Amino acid sequence: MSDLLDENELDDALKNCPDWDVQDSTIVRSVEFENFEEAIEFVNTVADLAEEAQHHPEINVSYSVVTLTFTTTDEGGVTTEDIEMAQRLDNLID
């Protein structure tokens, strides 16, 4: 299991993930797609990656906008595991 990142470590880590925002003890990113079908295809890809890593985001779908939220509940906040998943998803999106 990964260790909880302090505020400075989190700020440094997010320099590599500029599209993610800190909200309370989570990191969040929203991605807009052309339509609902593309959004769901993306969600399915995220699900596959999350299963492979055994680290799952909260996923919210609002028509063509997918919002992903990561936190490591057992640690009570954001860990390197969350940052690694954010980076993997950034590579998929960008």
PDB file of N, CA and C in Angstrom:
ATOM      1  N   MET A   1       0.845  -1.183   0.000  1.00  0.00           N
ATOM      2  CA  MET A   1       0.000   0.000   0.000  1.00  0.00           C
ATOM      3  C   MET A   1       0.885   1.239   0.000  1.00  0.00           C
ATOM      4  N   SER A   2       0.406   2.271  -0.615  1.00  0.00           N
ATOM      5  CA  SER A   2       1.138   3.529  -0.728  1.00  0.00           C
ATOM      6  C   SER A   2       0.924   4.401   0.505  1.00  0.00           C
ATOM      7  N   ASP A   3       1.914   5.247   0.762  1.00  0.00           N
ATOM      8  CA  ASP A   3       1.808   6.185   1.876  1.00  0.00           C
ATOM      9  C   ASP A   3       1.040   7.432   1.446  1.00  0.00           C
ATOM     10  N   LEU A   4       0.363   8.018   2.401  1.00  0.00           N
ATOM     11  CA  LEU A   4      -0.378   9.260   2.196  1.00  0.00           C
ATOM     12  C   LEU A   4       0.597  10.376   1.834  1.00  0.00           C
ATOM     13  N   LEU A   5       0.251  11.159   0.820  1.00  0.00           N
ATOM     14  CA  LEU A   5       1.082  12.297   0.415  1.00  0.00           C
ATOM     15  C   LEU A   5       0.713  13.517   1.255  1.00  0.00           C
ATOM     16  N   ASP A   6       1.733  14.240   1.718  1.00  0.00           N
ATOM     17  CA  ASP A   6       1.431  15.491   2.416  1.00  0.00           C
ATOM     18  C   ASP A   6       1.153  16.568   1.353  1.00  0.00           C
ATOM     19  N   GLU A   7       0.791  17.743   1.807  1.00  0.00           N
ATOM     20  CA  GLU A   7       0.381  18.813   0.895  1.00  0.00           C
ATOM     21  C   GLU A   7       1.468  19.163  -0.124  1.00  0.00           C
ATOM     22  N   ASN A   8       2.706  19.269   0.317  1.00  0.00           N
ATOM     23  CA  ASN A   8       3.813  19.610  -0.586  1.00  0.00           C
ATOM     24  C   ASN A   8       4.074  18.498  -1.591  1.00  0.00           C
ATOM     25  N   GLU A   9       4.049  17.253  -1.128  1.00  0.00           N
ATOM     26  CA  GLU A   9       4.257  16.112  -2.026  1.00  0.00           C
ATOM     27  C   GLU A   9       3.149  16.040  -3.070  1.00  0.00           C
ATOM     28  N   LEU A  10       1.928  16.314  -2.637  1.00  0.00           N
ATOM     29  CA  LEU A  10       0.793  16.291  -3.554  1.00  0.00           C
ATOM     30  C   LEU A  10       0.917  17.396  -4.598  1.00  0.00           C
ATOM     31  N   ASP A  11       1.286  18.580  -4.169  1.00  0.00           N
ATOM     32  CA  ASP A  11       1.487  19.692  -5.112  1.00  0.00           C
ATOM     33  C   ASP A  11       2.551  19.340  -6.141  1.00  0.00           C
ATOM     34  N   ASP A  12       3.653  18.756  -5.684  1.00  0.00           N
ATOM     35  CA  ASP A  12       4.725  18.351  -6.602  1.00  0.00           C
ATOM     36  C   ASP A  12       4.248  17.278  -7.572  1.00  0.00           C
ATOM     37  N   ALA A  13       3.537  16.291  -7.061  1.00  0.00           N
ATOM     38  CA  ALA A  13       3.054  15.192  -7.900  1.00  0.00           C
ATOM     39  C   ALA A  13       2.082  15.681  -8.969  1.00  0.00           C
ATOM     40  N   LEU A  14       1.258  16.643  -8.611  1.00  0.00           N
ATOM     41  CA  LEU A  14       0.249  17.134  -9.555  1.00  0.00           C
ATOM     42  C   LEU A  14       0.838  18.026 -10.641  1.00  0.00           C
ATOM     43  N   LYS A  15       2.104  18.405 -10.520  1.00  0.00           N
ATOM     44  CA  LYS A  15       2.760  19.132 -11.611  1.00  0.00           C
ATOM     45  C   LYS A  15       2.821  18.262 -12.862  1.00  0.00           C
ATOM     46  N   ASN A  16       2.827  16.956 -12.664  1.00  0.00           N
ATOM     47  CA  ASN A  16       2.810  16.013 -13.781  1.00  0.00           C
ATOM     48  C   ASN A  16       1.393  15.663 -14.225  1.00  0.00           C
ATOM     49  N   CYS A  17       0.405  16.140 -13.490  1.00  0.00           N
ATOM     50  CA  CYS A  17      -1.012  15.876 -13.793  1.00  0.00           C
ATOM     51  C   CYS A  17      -1.792  17.190 -13.685  1.00  0.00           C
ATOM     52  N   PRO A  18      -1.497  18.156 -14.558  1.00  0.00           N
ATOM     53  CA  PRO A  18      -2.064  19.497 -14.384  1.00  0.00           C
ATOM     54  C   PRO A  18      -3.583  19.595 -14.551  1.00  0.00           C
ATOM     55  N   ASP A  19      -4.210  18.576 -15.115  1.00  0.00           N
ATOM     56  CA  ASP A  19      -5.661  18.633 -15.315  1.00  0.00           C
ATOM     57  C   ASP A  19      -6.449  18.093 -14.126  1.00  0.00           C
ATOM     58  N   TRP A  20      -5.726  17.654 -13.099  1.00  0.00           N
ATOM     59  CA  TRP A  20      -6.371  17.136 -11.897  1.00  0.00           C
ATOM     60  C   TRP A  20      -6.383  18.221 -10.827  1.00  0.00           C
ATOM     61  N   ASP A  21      -7.497  18.278 -10.098  1.00  0.00           N
ATOM     62  CA  ASP A  21      -7.653  19.245  -9.009  1.00  0.00           C
ATOM     63  C   ASP A  21      -7.771  18.508  -7.682  1.00  0.00           C
ATOM     64  N   VAL A  22      -7.307  19.154  -6.638  1.00  0.00           N
ATOM     65  CA  VAL A  22      -7.467  18.614  -5.290  1.00  0.00           C
ATOM     66  C   VAL A  22      -8.802  19.107  -4.747  1.00  0.00           C
ATOM     67  N   GLN A  23      -9.596  18.170  -4.255  1.00  0.00           N
ATOM     68  CA  GLN A  23     -10.862  18.506  -3.597  1.00  0.00           C
ATOM     69  C   GLN A  23     -10.934  17.682  -2.325  1.00  0.00           C
ATOM     70  N   ASP A  24     -10.853  18.359  -1.208  1.00  0.00           N
ATOM     71  CA  ASP A  24     -10.796  17.692   0.094  1.00  0.00           C
ATOM     72  C   ASP A  24      -9.633  16.701   0.081  1.00  0.00           C
ATOM     73  N   SER A  25      -9.885  15.447   0.302  1.00  0.00           N
ATOM     74  CA  SER A  25      -8.809  14.456   0.344  1.00  0.00           C
ATOM     75  C   SER A  25      -8.813  13.576  -0.909  1.00  0.00           C
ATOM     76  N   THR A  26      -9.147  14.207  -2.062  1.00  0.00           N
ATOM     77  CA  THR A  26      -9.212  13.481  -3.328  1.00  0.00           C
ATOM     78  C   THR A  26      -8.546  14.293  -4.437  1.00  0.00           C
ATOM     79  N   ILE A  27      -8.320  13.613  -5.578  1.00  0.00           N
ATOM     80  CA  ILE A  27      -7.974  14.324  -6.804  1.00  0.00           C
ATOM     81  C   ILE A  27      -9.079  14.029  -7.809  1.00  0.00           C
ATOM     82  N   VAL A  28      -9.416  15.044  -8.613  1.00  0.00           N
ATOM     83  CA  VAL A  28     -10.579  14.976  -9.493  1.00  0.00           C
ATOM     84  C   VAL A  28     -10.235  15.525 -10.871  1.00  0.00           C
ATOM     85  N   ARG A  29     -10.754  14.846 -11.902  1.00  0.00           N
ATOM     86  CA  ARG A  29     -10.630  15.360 -13.268  1.00  0.00           C
ATOM     87  C   ARG A  29     -11.919  15.044 -14.022  1.00  0.00           C
ATOM     88  N   SER A  30     -12.390  16.018 -14.786  1.00  0.00           N
ATOM     89  CA  SER A  30     -13.533  15.821 -15.671  1.00  0.00           C
ATOM     90  C   SER A  30     -13.059  15.861 -17.111  1.00  0.00           C
ATOM     91  N   VAL A  31     -13.658  14.994 -17.916  1.00  0.00           N
ATOM     92  CA  VAL A  31     -13.308  14.903 -19.326  1.00  0.00           C
ATOM     93  C   VAL A  31     -14.607  14.924 -20.129  1.00  0.00           C
ATOM     94  N   GLU A  32     -14.646  15.788 -21.139  1.00  0.00           N
ATOM     95  CA  GLU A  32     -15.838  15.878 -21.980  1.00  0.00           C
ATOM     96  C   GLU A  32     -15.590  15.176 -23.308  1.00  0.00           C
ATOM     97  N   PHE A  33     -16.564  14.382 -23.729  1.00  0.00           N
ATOM     98  CA  PHE A  33     -16.493  13.640 -24.980  1.00  0.00           C
ATOM     99  C   PHE A  33     -17.538  14.167 -25.953  1.00  0.00           C
ATOM    100  N   GLU A  34     -17.466  13.691 -27.174  1.00  0.00           N
ATOM    101  CA  GLU A  34     -18.404  14.137 -28.212  1.00  0.00           C
ATOM    102  C   GLU A  34     -19.842  13.738 -27.895  1.00  0.00           C
ATOM    103  N   ASN A  35     -20.012  12.549 -27.290  1.00  0.00           N
ATOM    104  CA  ASN A  35     -21.355  12.054 -27.029  1.00  0.00           C
ATOM    105  C   ASN A  35     -21.320  11.026 -25.900  1.00  0.00           C
ATOM    106  N   PHE A  36     -22.489  10.555 -25.531  1.00  0.00           N
ATOM    107  CA  PHE A  36     -22.634   9.604 -24.439  1.00  0.00           C
ATOM    108  C   PHE A  36     -21.912   8.292 -24.736  1.00  0.00           C
ATOM    109  N   GLU A  37     -22.015   7.816 -25.946  1.00  0.00           N
ATOM    110  CA  GLU A  37     -21.383   6.547 -26.314  1.00  0.00           C
ATOM    111  C   GLU A  37     -19.862   6.596 -26.109  1.00  0.00           C
ATOM    112  N   GLU A  38     -19.226   7.681 -26.531  1.00  0.00           N
ATOM    113  CA  GLU A  38     -17.778   7.826 -26.331  1.00  0.00           C
ATOM    114  C   GLU A  38     -17.440   7.895 -24.840  1.00  0.00           C
ATOM    115  N   ALA A  39     -18.280   8.557 -24.072  1.00  0.00           N
ATOM    116  CA  ALA A  39     -18.059   8.650 -22.632  1.00  0.00           C
ATOM    117  C   ALA A  39     -18.089   7.263 -21.997  1.00  0.00           C
ATOM    118  N   ILE A  40     -19.045   6.452 -22.390  1.00  0.00           N
ATOM    119  CA  ILE A  40     -19.170   5.107 -21.825  1.00  0.00           C
ATOM    120  C   ILE A  40     -18.031   4.212 -22.287  1.00  0.00           C
ATOM    121  N   GLU A  41     -17.580   4.361 -23.517  1.00  0.00           N
ATOM    122  CA  GLU A  41     -16.411   3.597 -23.983  1.00  0.00           C
ATOM    123  C   GLU A  41     -15.194   3.933 -23.115  1.00  0.00           C
ATOM    124  N   PHE A  42     -15.027   5.205 -22.807  1.00  0.00           N
ATOM    125  CA  PHE A  42     -13.934   5.632 -21.941  1.00  0.00           C
ATOM    126  C   PHE A  42     -14.077   5.020 -20.548  1.00  0.00           C
ATOM    127  N   VAL A  43     -15.278   5.055 -19.992  1.00  0.00           N
ATOM    128  CA  VAL A  43     -15.521   4.483 -18.664  1.00  0.00           C
ATOM    129  C   VAL A  43     -15.154   3.000 -18.661  1.00  0.00           C
ATOM    130  N   ASN A  44     -15.498   2.283 -19.707  1.00  0.00           N
ATOM    131  CA  ASN A  44     -15.165   0.861 -19.779  1.00  0.00           C
ATOM    132  C   ASN A  44     -13.656   0.644 -19.816  1.00  0.00           C
ATOM    133  N   THR A  45     -12.942   1.502 -20.515  1.00  0.00           N
ATOM    134  CA  THR A  45     -11.478   1.414 -20.547  1.00  0.00           C
ATOM    135  C   THR A  45     -10.897   1.719 -19.172  1.00  0.00           C
ATOM    136  N   VAL A  46     -11.430   2.733 -18.508  1.00  0.00           N
ATOM    137  CA  VAL A  46     -10.991   3.066 -17.153  1.00  0.00           C
ATOM    138  C   VAL A  46     -11.237   1.879 -16.221  1.00  0.00           C
ATOM    139  N   ALA A  47     -12.384   1.245 -16.360  1.00  0.00           N
ATOM    140  CA  ALA A  47     -12.708   0.093 -15.515  1.00  0.00           C
ATOM    141  C   ALA A  47     -11.689  -1.025 -15.701  1.00  0.00           C
ATOM    142  N   ASP A  48     -11.300  -1.286 -16.946  1.00  0.00           N
ATOM    143  CA  ASP A  48     -10.305  -2.324 -17.218  1.00  0.00           C
ATOM    144  C   ASP A  48      -8.964  -1.986 -16.569  1.00  0.00           C
ATOM    145  N   LEU A  49      -8.518  -0.740 -16.725  1.00  0.00           N
ATOM    146  CA  LEU A  49      -7.254  -0.314 -16.119  1.00  0.00           C
ATOM    147  C   LEU A  49      -7.314  -0.368 -14.591  1.00  0.00           C
ATOM    148  N   ALA A  50      -8.430   0.038 -14.037  1.00  0.00           N
ATOM    149  CA  ALA A  50      -8.596   0.037 -12.579  1.00  0.00           C
ATOM    150  C   ALA A  50      -8.577  -1.391 -12.032  1.00  0.00           C
ATOM    151  N   GLU A  51      -9.219  -2.301 -12.730  1.00  0.00           N
ATOM    152  CA  GLU A  51      -9.207  -3.699 -12.309  1.00  0.00           C
ATOM    153  C   GLU A  51      -7.803  -4.268 -12.365  1.00  0.00           C
ATOM    154  N   GLU A  52      -7.100  -3.947 -13.439  1.00  0.00           N
ATOM    155  CA  GLU A  52      -5.725  -4.420 -13.599  1.00  0.00           C
ATOM    156  C   GLU A  52      -4.843  -3.928 -12.444  1.00  0.00           C
ATOM    157  N   ALA A  53      -5.018  -2.674 -12.058  1.00  0.00           N
ATOM    158  CA  ALA A  53      -4.216  -2.066 -10.989  1.00  0.00           C
ATOM    159  C   ALA A  53      -4.784  -2.348  -9.599  1.00  0.00           C
ATOM    160  N   GLN A  54      -6.015  -2.848  -9.537  1.00  0.00           N
ATOM    161  CA  GLN A  54      -6.719  -3.027  -8.266  1.00  0.00           C
ATOM    162  C   GLN A  54      -6.780  -1.731  -7.476  1.00  0.00           C
ATOM    163  N   HIS A  55      -7.055  -0.647  -8.224  1.00  0.00           N
ATOM    164  CA  HIS A  55      -7.222   0.675  -7.606  1.00  0.00           C
ATOM    165  C   HIS A  55      -8.306   1.403  -8.399  1.00  0.00           C
ATOM    166  N   HIS A  56      -9.448   1.618  -7.776  1.00  0.00           N
ATOM    167  CA  HIS A  56     -10.656   2.028  -8.482  1.00  0.00           C
ATOM    168  C   HIS A  56     -11.074   3.461  -8.161  1.00  0.00           C
ATOM    169  N   PRO A  57     -11.400   4.225  -9.201  1.00  0.00           N
ATOM    170  CA  PRO A  57     -11.891   5.592  -8.970  1.00  0.00           C
ATOM    171  C   PRO A  57     -13.391   5.600  -8.735  1.00  0.00           C
ATOM    172  N   GLU A  58     -13.853   6.703  -8.216  1.00  0.00           N
ATOM    173  CA  GLU A  58     -15.280   6.998  -8.255  1.00  0.00           C
ATOM    174  C   GLU A  58     -15.507   7.579  -9.642  1.00  0.00           C
ATOM    175  N   ILE A  59     -16.537   7.115 -10.328  1.00  0.00           N
ATOM    176  CA  ILE A  59     -16.813   7.571 -11.691  1.00  0.00           C
ATOM    177  C   ILE A  59     -18.227   8.128 -11.743  1.00  0.00           C
ATOM    178  N   ASN A  60     -18.345   9.351 -12.258  1.00  0.00           N
ATOM    179  CA  ASN A  60     -19.648   9.972 -12.454  1.00  0.00           C
ATOM    180  C   ASN A  60     -19.788  10.305 -13.929  1.00  0.00           C
ATOM    181  N   VAL A  61     -20.906   9.890 -14.520  1.00  0.00           N
ATOM    182  CA  VAL A  61     -21.171  10.177 -15.933  1.00  0.00           C
ATOM    183  C   VAL A  61     -22.403  11.063 -16.023  1.00  0.00           C
ATOM    184  N   SER A  62     -22.234  12.196 -16.694  1.00  0.00           N
ATOM    185  CA  SER A  62     -23.349  13.094 -16.963  1.00  0.00           C
ATOM    186  C   SER A  62     -23.355  13.370 -18.457  1.00  0.00           C
ATOM    187  N   TYR A  63     -24.105  12.567 -19.168  1.00  0.00           N
ATOM    188  CA  TYR A  63     -24.181  12.536 -20.625  1.00  0.00           C
ATOM    189  C   TYR A  63     -22.805  12.353 -21.247  1.00  0.00           C
ATOM    190  N   SER A  64     -22.129  13.409 -21.665  1.00  0.00           N
ATOM    191  CA  SER A  64     -20.838  13.264 -22.337  1.00  0.00           C
ATOM    192  C   SER A  64     -19.655  13.684 -21.458  1.00  0.00           C
ATOM    193  N   VAL A  65     -19.919  13.963 -20.185  1.00  0.00           N
ATOM    194  CA  VAL A  65     -18.860  14.371 -19.265  1.00  0.00           C
ATOM    195  C   VAL A  65     -18.643  13.260 -18.228  1.00  0.00           C
ATOM    196  N   VAL A  66     -17.392  12.817 -18.143  1.00  0.00           N
ATOM    197  CA  VAL A  66     -17.010  11.800 -17.161  1.00  0.00           C
ATOM    198  C   VAL A  66     -16.116  12.471 -16.125  1.00  0.00           C
ATOM    199  N   THR A  67     -16.484  12.332 -14.861  1.00  0.00           N
ATOM    200  CA  THR A  67     -15.689  12.871 -13.774  1.00  0.00           C
ATOM    201  C   THR A  67     -15.112  11.700 -12.976  1.00  0.00           C
ATOM    202  N   LEU A  68     -13.788  11.728 -12.830  1.00  0.00           N
ATOM    203  CA  LEU A  68     -13.068  10.679 -12.109  1.00  0.00           C
ATOM    204  C   LEU A  68     -12.536  11.259 -10.805  1.00  0.00           C
ATOM    205  N   THR A  69     -12.680  10.507  -9.736  1.00  0.00           N
ATOM    206  CA  THR A  69     -12.190  10.918  -8.428  1.00  0.00           C
ATOM    207  C   THR A  69     -11.374   9.785  -7.832  1.00  0.00           C
ATOM    208  N   PHE A  70     -10.147  10.108  -7.414  1.00  0.00           N
ATOM    209  CA  PHE A  70      -9.283   9.126  -6.765  1.00  0.00           C
ATOM    210  C   PHE A  70      -8.954   9.545  -5.350  1.00  0.00           C
ATOM    211  N   THR A  71      -8.934   8.572  -4.474  1.00  0.00           N
ATOM    212  CA  THR A  71      -8.437   8.697  -3.116  1.00  0.00           C
ATOM    213  C   THR A  71      -8.131   7.280  -2.634  1.00  0.00           C
ATOM    214  N   THR A  72      -7.274   7.167  -1.665  1.00  0.00           N
ATOM    215  CA  THR A  72      -7.011   5.862  -1.068  1.00  0.00           C
ATOM    216  C   THR A  72      -7.683   5.873   0.298  1.00  0.00           C
ATOM    217  N   THR A  73      -8.853   5.292   0.347  1.00  0.00           N
ATOM    218  CA  THR A  73      -9.693   5.355   1.534  1.00  0.00           C
ATOM    219  C   THR A  73      -8.976   4.837   2.777  1.00  0.00           C
ATOM    220  N   ASP A  74      -8.251   3.736   2.641  1.00  0.00           N
ATOM    221  CA  ASP A  74      -7.559   3.148   3.791  1.00  0.00           C
ATOM    222  C   ASP A  74      -6.513   4.095   4.387  1.00  0.00           C
ATOM    223  N   GLU A  75      -5.980   4.994   3.562  1.00  0.00           N
ATOM    224  CA  GLU A  75      -4.972   5.948   4.036  1.00  0.00           C
ATOM    225  C   GLU A  75      -5.579   7.309   4.380  1.00  0.00           C
ATOM    226  N   GLY A  76      -6.820   7.533   3.976  1.00  0.00           N
ATOM    227  CA  GLY A  76      -7.499   8.783   4.310  1.00  0.00           C
ATOM    228  C   GLY A  76      -7.132   9.959   3.430  1.00  0.00           C
ATOM    229  N   GLY A  77      -6.693   9.677   2.194  1.00  0.00           N
ATOM    230  CA  GLY A  77      -6.353  10.765   1.285  1.00  0.00           C
ATOM    231  C   GLY A  77      -5.641  10.257   0.050  1.00  0.00           C
ATOM    232  N   VAL A  78      -4.908  11.150  -0.588  1.00  0.00           N
ATOM    233  CA  VAL A  78      -4.245  10.856  -1.857  1.00  0.00           C
ATOM    234  C   VAL A  78      -2.874  10.237  -1.598  1.00  0.00           C
ATOM    235  N   THR A  79      -2.585   9.159  -2.334  1.00  0.00           N
ATOM    236  CA  THR A  79      -1.304   8.456  -2.228  1.00  0.00           C
ATOM    237  C   THR A  79      -0.649   8.411  -3.604  1.00  0.00           C
ATOM    238  N   THR A  80       0.566   7.876  -3.640  1.00  0.00           N
ATOM    239  CA  THR A  80       1.254   7.717  -4.927  1.00  0.00           C
ATOM    240  C   THR A  80       0.468   6.804  -5.855  1.00  0.00           C
ATOM    241  N   GLU A  81      -0.267   5.875  -5.300  1.00  0.00           N
ATOM    242  CA  GLU A  81      -1.100   4.979  -6.110  1.00  0.00           C
ATOM    243  C   GLU A  81      -2.154   5.776  -6.885  1.00  0.00           C
ATOM    244  N   ASP A  82      -2.741   6.781  -6.246  1.00  0.00           N
ATOM    245  CA  ASP A  82      -3.724   7.634  -6.911  1.00  0.00           C
ATOM    246  C   ASP A  82      -3.065   8.439  -8.027  1.00  0.00           C
ATOM    247  N   ILE A  83      -1.880   8.971  -7.758  1.00  0.00           N
ATOM    248  CA  ILE A  83      -1.157   9.764  -8.750  1.00  0.00           C
ATOM    249  C   ILE A  83      -0.777   8.894  -9.941  1.00  0.00           C
ATOM    250  N   GLU A  84      -0.325   7.682  -9.678  1.00  0.00           N
ATOM    251  CA  GLU A  84       0.030   6.767 -10.768  1.00  0.00           C
ATOM    252  C   GLU A  84      -1.167   6.477 -11.661  1.00  0.00           C
ATOM    253  N   MET A  85      -2.327   6.265 -11.055  1.00  0.00           N
ATOM    254  CA  MET A  85      -3.531   6.023 -11.860  1.00  0.00           C
ATOM    255  C   MET A  85      -3.915   7.281 -12.637  1.00  0.00           C
ATOM    256  N   ALA A  86      -3.793   8.444 -12.029  1.00  0.00           N
ATOM    257  CA  ALA A  86      -4.096   9.697 -12.728  1.00  0.00           C
ATOM    258  C   ALA A  86      -3.196   9.843 -13.954  1.00  0.00           C
ATOM    259  N   GLN A  87      -1.920   9.539 -13.801  1.00  0.00           N
ATOM    260  CA  GLN A  87      -0.985   9.626 -14.916  1.00  0.00           C
ATOM    261  C   GLN A  87      -1.332   8.635 -16.012  1.00  0.00           C
ATOM    262  N   ARG A  88      -1.697   7.439 -15.645  1.00  0.00           N
ATOM    263  CA  ARG A  88      -2.099   6.427 -16.643  1.00  0.00           C
ATOM    264  C   ARG A  88      -3.322   6.904 -17.425  1.00  0.00           C
ATOM    265  N   LEU A  89      -4.261   7.485 -16.722  1.00  0.00           N
ATOM    266  CA  LEU A  89      -5.471   7.958 -17.401  1.00  0.00           C
ATOM    267  C   LEU A  89      -5.180   9.199 -18.241  1.00  0.00           C
ATOM    268  N   ASP A  90      -4.298  10.067 -17.773  1.00  0.00           N
ATOM    269  CA  ASP A  90      -3.900  11.212 -18.581  1.00  0.00           C
ATOM    270  C   ASP A  90      -3.298  10.740 -19.905  1.00  0.00           C
ATOM    271  N   ASN A  91      -2.471   9.718 -19.849  1.00  0.00           N
ATOM    272  CA  ASN A  91      -1.872   9.171 -21.076  1.00  0.00           C
ATOM    273  C   ASN A  91      -2.930   8.628 -22.019  1.00  0.00           C
ATOM    274  N   LEU A  92      -3.968   8.060 -21.453  1.00  0.00           N
ATOM    275  CA  LEU A  92      -5.072   7.530 -22.249  1.00  0.00           C
ATOM    276  C   LEU A  92      -5.887   8.661 -22.898  1.00  0.00           C
ATOM    277  N   ILE A  93      -6.095   9.733 -22.154  1.00  0.00           N
ATOM    278  CA  ILE A  93      -6.941  10.849 -22.607  1.00  0.00           C
ATOM    279  C   ILE A  93      -6.208  11.732 -23.612  1.00  0.00           C
ATOM    280  N   ASP A  94      -4.981  12.084 -23.288  1.00  0.00           N
ATOM    281  CA  ASP A  94      -4.256  13.080 -24.082  1.00  0.00           C
ATOM    282  C   ASP A  94      -3.549  12.507 -25.282  1.00  0.00           C
TER     283      ASP A  94
END
